[in-house]
N, C-alpha and C. Protein backbone atom coordinates (compact mmCIF):
# COMPACT_ATOMS: atom_id res chain seq x y z
N MET A 1 -35.25 -38.77 24.21
CA MET A 1 -35.68 -37.52 23.91
C MET A 1 -34.58 -36.63 24.46
N PHE A 2 -34.27 -35.38 24.03
CA PHE A 2 -33.52 -34.57 24.32
C PHE A 2 -33.97 -33.07 24.03
N THR A 3 -33.44 -32.07 24.91
CA THR A 3 -33.71 -30.59 24.55
C THR A 3 -32.43 -29.93 24.32
N ILE A 4 -32.63 -28.88 23.51
CA ILE A 4 -31.12 -27.94 23.36
C ILE A 4 -31.76 -26.47 23.74
N GLU A 5 -31.04 -25.98 24.53
CA GLU A 5 -31.20 -24.47 25.02
C GLU A 5 -29.88 -23.77 24.71
N HIS A 6 -29.93 -22.54 24.22
CA HIS A 6 -28.81 -21.67 23.96
C HIS A 6 -28.91 -20.51 25.11
N GLU A 7 -27.90 -20.69 25.86
CA GLU A 7 -27.84 -19.90 27.08
C GLU A 7 -26.85 -18.66 26.74
N PHE A 8 -26.54 -17.72 27.49
CA PHE A 8 -25.48 -16.55 27.31
C PHE A 8 -24.27 -17.13 26.95
N ASP A 9 -23.59 -18.18 27.78
CA ASP A 9 -22.25 -18.62 27.47
C ASP A 9 -22.00 -19.91 27.08
N SER A 10 -23.10 -20.62 26.81
CA SER A 10 -23.19 -22.05 26.48
C SER A 10 -24.37 -22.61 25.79
N THR A 11 -24.25 -23.73 25.11
CA THR A 11 -25.26 -24.54 24.63
C THR A 11 -25.62 -25.67 25.61
N VAL A 12 -26.71 -25.76 25.94
CA VAL A 12 -27.04 -26.83 26.89
C VAL A 12 -28.04 -27.88 26.30
N ILE A 13 -27.40 -29.12 26.31
CA ILE A 13 -28.30 -30.22 25.85
C ILE A 13 -28.69 -31.17 27.03
N THR A 14 -29.92 -31.44 27.11
CA THR A 14 -30.35 -32.42 28.22
C THR A 14 -30.74 -33.72 27.49
N LEU A 15 -30.20 -34.77 28.00
CA LEU A 15 -30.62 -36.08 27.46
C LEU A 15 -31.62 -36.83 28.44
N VAL A 16 -32.71 -37.03 28.00
CA VAL A 16 -33.79 -37.67 29.05
C VAL A 16 -33.98 -39.22 28.78
N ASP A 17 -33.75 -40.02 29.57
CA ASP A 17 -33.86 -41.51 29.40
C ASP A 17 -35.34 -41.87 29.42
N GLU A 18 -35.87 -42.42 28.29
CA GLU A 18 -37.01 -42.83 28.22
C GLU A 18 -37.38 -44.30 27.97
N GLY A 19 -38.41 -44.92 28.43
CA GLY A 19 -38.63 -46.33 28.05
C GLY A 19 -38.91 -47.05 29.31
N ALA A 20 -38.40 -48.29 29.14
CA ALA A 20 -38.87 -49.35 30.38
C ALA A 20 -38.20 -48.84 31.62
N ALA A 21 -38.50 -49.88 32.76
CA ALA A 21 -37.90 -49.57 34.02
C ALA A 21 -36.37 -49.43 34.06
N HIS A 22 -35.91 -48.91 35.18
CA HIS A 22 -34.44 -48.80 35.40
C HIS A 22 -33.90 -47.60 34.65
N LEU A 23 -34.61 -46.58 34.54
CA LEU A 23 -34.24 -45.21 33.82
C LEU A 23 -33.09 -44.65 34.57
N GLN A 24 -32.12 -44.07 33.83
CA GLN A 24 -31.22 -43.34 34.45
C GLN A 24 -31.56 -41.76 34.47
N GLU A 25 -30.89 -41.11 35.30
CA GLU A 25 -31.10 -39.66 35.71
C GLU A 25 -30.71 -38.85 34.01
N ASP A 26 -31.13 -37.74 34.19
CA ASP A 26 -31.04 -36.90 32.94
C ASP A 26 -29.47 -36.61 33.03
N VAL A 27 -29.07 -36.50 31.63
CA VAL A 27 -27.53 -36.10 31.31
C VAL A 27 -27.61 -34.80 30.85
N ILE A 28 -26.95 -33.83 31.42
CA ILE A 28 -26.83 -32.55 30.80
C ILE A 28 -25.50 -32.16 30.31
N VAL A 29 -25.41 -31.73 29.11
CA VAL A 29 -24.06 -31.48 28.35
C VAL A 29 -24.12 -30.03 27.93
N ASN A 30 -23.05 -29.28 28.62
CA ASN A 30 -22.90 -27.83 28.58
C ASN A 30 -21.69 -27.56 27.54
N ALA A 31 -21.89 -27.01 26.52
CA ALA A 31 -20.96 -26.70 25.35
C ALA A 31 -20.45 -25.30 25.54
N PHE A 32 -19.28 -25.04 26.20
CA PHE A 32 -18.76 -23.77 26.26
C PHE A 32 -17.65 -23.55 25.22
N SER A 33 -17.19 -22.43 25.17
CA SER A 33 -16.25 -21.97 24.04
C SER A 33 -14.88 -22.70 24.49
N GLU A 34 -14.54 -22.89 25.63
CA GLU A 34 -13.20 -23.58 26.08
C GLU A 34 -13.44 -24.96 26.41
N CYS A 35 -14.66 -25.61 26.61
CA CYS A 35 -14.74 -27.02 27.08
C CYS A 35 -16.00 -27.44 27.08
N VAL A 36 -16.31 -28.72 27.27
CA VAL A 36 -17.73 -29.42 27.37
C VAL A 36 -17.86 -29.88 28.72
N THR A 37 -18.81 -29.77 29.30
CA THR A 37 -19.12 -30.47 30.52
C THR A 37 -20.35 -31.48 30.45
N VAL A 38 -20.26 -32.57 31.23
CA VAL A 38 -21.29 -33.44 31.02
C VAL A 38 -21.61 -33.76 32.62
N GLU A 39 -22.86 -33.54 32.90
CA GLU A 39 -23.40 -33.90 34.48
C GLU A 39 -24.48 -34.73 34.40
N GLN A 40 -24.55 -35.51 35.66
CA GLN A 40 -25.70 -36.37 35.95
C GLN A 40 -25.78 -36.41 37.43
N PHE A 41 -27.07 -36.23 37.92
CA PHE A 41 -27.25 -36.36 39.39
C PHE A 41 -27.15 -37.93 39.76
N ASP A 42 -26.47 -38.09 40.69
CA ASP A 42 -26.17 -39.44 41.44
C ASP A 42 -27.23 -39.59 42.46
N PRO A 43 -28.31 -40.27 42.54
CA PRO A 43 -29.18 -40.42 43.76
C PRO A 43 -28.51 -41.12 44.93
N THR A 44 -27.58 -42.01 44.71
CA THR A 44 -27.05 -42.77 45.72
C THR A 44 -25.97 -41.76 46.72
N THR A 45 -25.59 -40.80 45.94
CA THR A 45 -24.75 -39.78 46.93
C THR A 45 -25.30 -38.59 47.08
N ASP A 46 -26.61 -38.46 46.40
CA ASP A 46 -27.23 -37.08 46.41
C ASP A 46 -26.34 -36.00 45.92
N LYS A 47 -25.49 -36.28 44.92
CA LYS A 47 -24.52 -35.26 44.36
C LYS A 47 -24.65 -35.33 42.85
N THR A 48 -24.36 -34.20 42.13
CA THR A 48 -24.18 -34.17 40.71
C THR A 48 -22.80 -34.36 40.33
N LEU A 49 -22.59 -35.23 39.41
CA LEU A 49 -21.16 -35.65 38.97
C LEU A 49 -20.94 -34.87 37.82
N ARG A 50 -19.72 -34.44 37.62
CA ARG A 50 -19.48 -33.65 36.51
C ARG A 50 -17.96 -33.90 35.86
N LEU A 51 -18.11 -34.17 34.53
CA LEU A 51 -17.00 -34.48 33.74
C LEU A 51 -16.56 -33.41 32.81
N THR A 52 -15.49 -32.91 32.74
CA THR A 52 -15.17 -31.87 31.88
C THR A 52 -14.04 -32.40 30.78
N LEU A 53 -14.53 -32.00 29.49
CA LEU A 53 -13.81 -32.63 28.30
C LEU A 53 -13.35 -31.30 27.38
N SER A 54 -12.22 -31.53 26.88
CA SER A 54 -11.71 -30.44 25.86
C SER A 54 -12.60 -30.80 24.57
N HIS A 55 -12.76 -29.89 23.64
CA HIS A 55 -13.35 -29.93 22.34
C HIS A 55 -12.64 -31.10 21.53
N ALA A 56 -11.26 -31.39 21.56
CA ALA A 56 -10.67 -32.36 20.99
C ALA A 56 -11.19 -33.73 21.54
N GLN A 57 -11.28 -33.93 23.01
CA GLN A 57 -11.83 -35.27 23.42
C GLN A 57 -13.15 -35.43 22.95
N VAL A 58 -14.05 -34.36 22.89
CA VAL A 58 -15.37 -34.54 22.50
C VAL A 58 -15.35 -35.17 20.94
N ARG A 59 -14.49 -34.59 20.13
CA ARG A 59 -14.48 -35.08 18.75
C ARG A 59 -13.82 -36.35 18.56
N ASP A 60 -12.90 -36.73 19.57
CA ASP A 60 -12.56 -38.12 19.37
C ASP A 60 -13.54 -39.15 20.01
N LEU A 61 -14.33 -38.61 21.01
CA LEU A 61 -15.50 -39.55 21.58
C LEU A 61 -16.51 -39.77 20.38
N ALA A 62 -16.89 -38.84 19.63
CA ALA A 62 -17.84 -38.85 18.56
C ALA A 62 -17.38 -39.78 17.47
N ALA A 63 -16.01 -39.93 17.19
CA ALA A 63 -15.48 -40.60 16.03
C ALA A 63 -15.37 -41.98 16.67
N ALA A 64 -15.04 -42.23 18.01
CA ALA A 64 -14.92 -43.38 18.57
C ALA A 64 -16.35 -44.37 18.64
N LEU A 65 -17.30 -43.62 18.72
CA LEU A 65 -18.60 -44.28 18.71
C LEU A 65 -19.00 -45.08 17.44
N ASP A 66 -18.19 -44.81 16.30
CA ASP A 66 -18.47 -45.45 14.95
C ASP A 66 -17.31 -46.32 14.60
N LEU A 67 -16.25 -46.65 15.51
CA LEU A 67 -14.95 -47.36 15.06
C LEU A 67 -14.97 -48.77 15.69
N PRO A 68 -14.32 -49.66 15.11
CA PRO A 68 -14.00 -50.94 15.79
C PRO A 68 -13.03 -50.76 16.79
N GLU A 69 -12.70 -51.80 17.64
CA GLU A 69 -11.63 -51.81 18.69
C GLU A 69 -10.16 -51.48 17.91
N GLY A 70 -9.39 -50.72 18.69
CA GLY A 70 -8.26 -50.43 18.17
C GLY A 70 -7.76 -49.13 18.86
N ILE A 71 -6.58 -48.61 18.35
CA ILE A 71 -6.06 -47.47 18.76
C ILE A 71 -5.97 -46.30 17.78
N TYR A 72 -6.52 -45.05 17.99
CA TYR A 72 -6.65 -44.20 16.83
C TYR A 72 -6.15 -42.80 17.13
N ARG A 73 -5.79 -42.08 16.18
CA ARG A 73 -5.41 -40.65 16.33
C ARG A 73 -6.05 -39.96 15.16
N LEU A 74 -6.91 -38.92 15.38
CA LEU A 74 -7.61 -38.08 14.38
C LEU A 74 -6.59 -37.11 13.88
N VAL A 75 -6.53 -37.00 12.57
CA VAL A 75 -5.55 -36.13 11.96
C VAL A 75 -6.35 -35.10 11.13
N GLY A 76 -6.31 -33.85 11.41
CA GLY A 76 -7.09 -32.81 10.78
C GLY A 76 -6.57 -32.54 9.44
N GLU A 77 -7.36 -31.94 8.61
CA GLU A 77 -7.05 -31.59 7.15
C GLU A 77 -5.82 -30.89 6.86
N ASP A 78 -5.58 -29.97 7.84
CA ASP A 78 -4.38 -29.09 7.62
C ASP A 78 -3.07 -29.70 8.15
N SER A 79 -3.04 -30.96 8.82
CA SER A 79 -2.10 -31.61 9.41
C SER A 79 -1.05 -32.19 8.32
N GLU A 80 0.12 -32.28 8.61
CA GLU A 80 1.21 -32.80 7.56
C GLU A 80 1.26 -34.24 7.66
N THR A 81 0.68 -35.01 8.71
CA THR A 81 0.72 -36.57 8.77
C THR A 81 -0.28 -37.17 8.08
């Protein structure tokens, strides 16, 4: 399950782990104009962990989910390569 909320300066997506035992904590994705942050609470340290990605890294991650093992570089439509 997930939720989408539009805040003043970002879009917030919350991923809720549903199902059998050993559920993970919610994952919160904040999409800002300059970057995307991914946060998850770590109960072992009692802290929220944050990862910051550029929009290019998010685009690469989305593409990588559907590709086989290898090394890739996404080339934009307006690129000369």
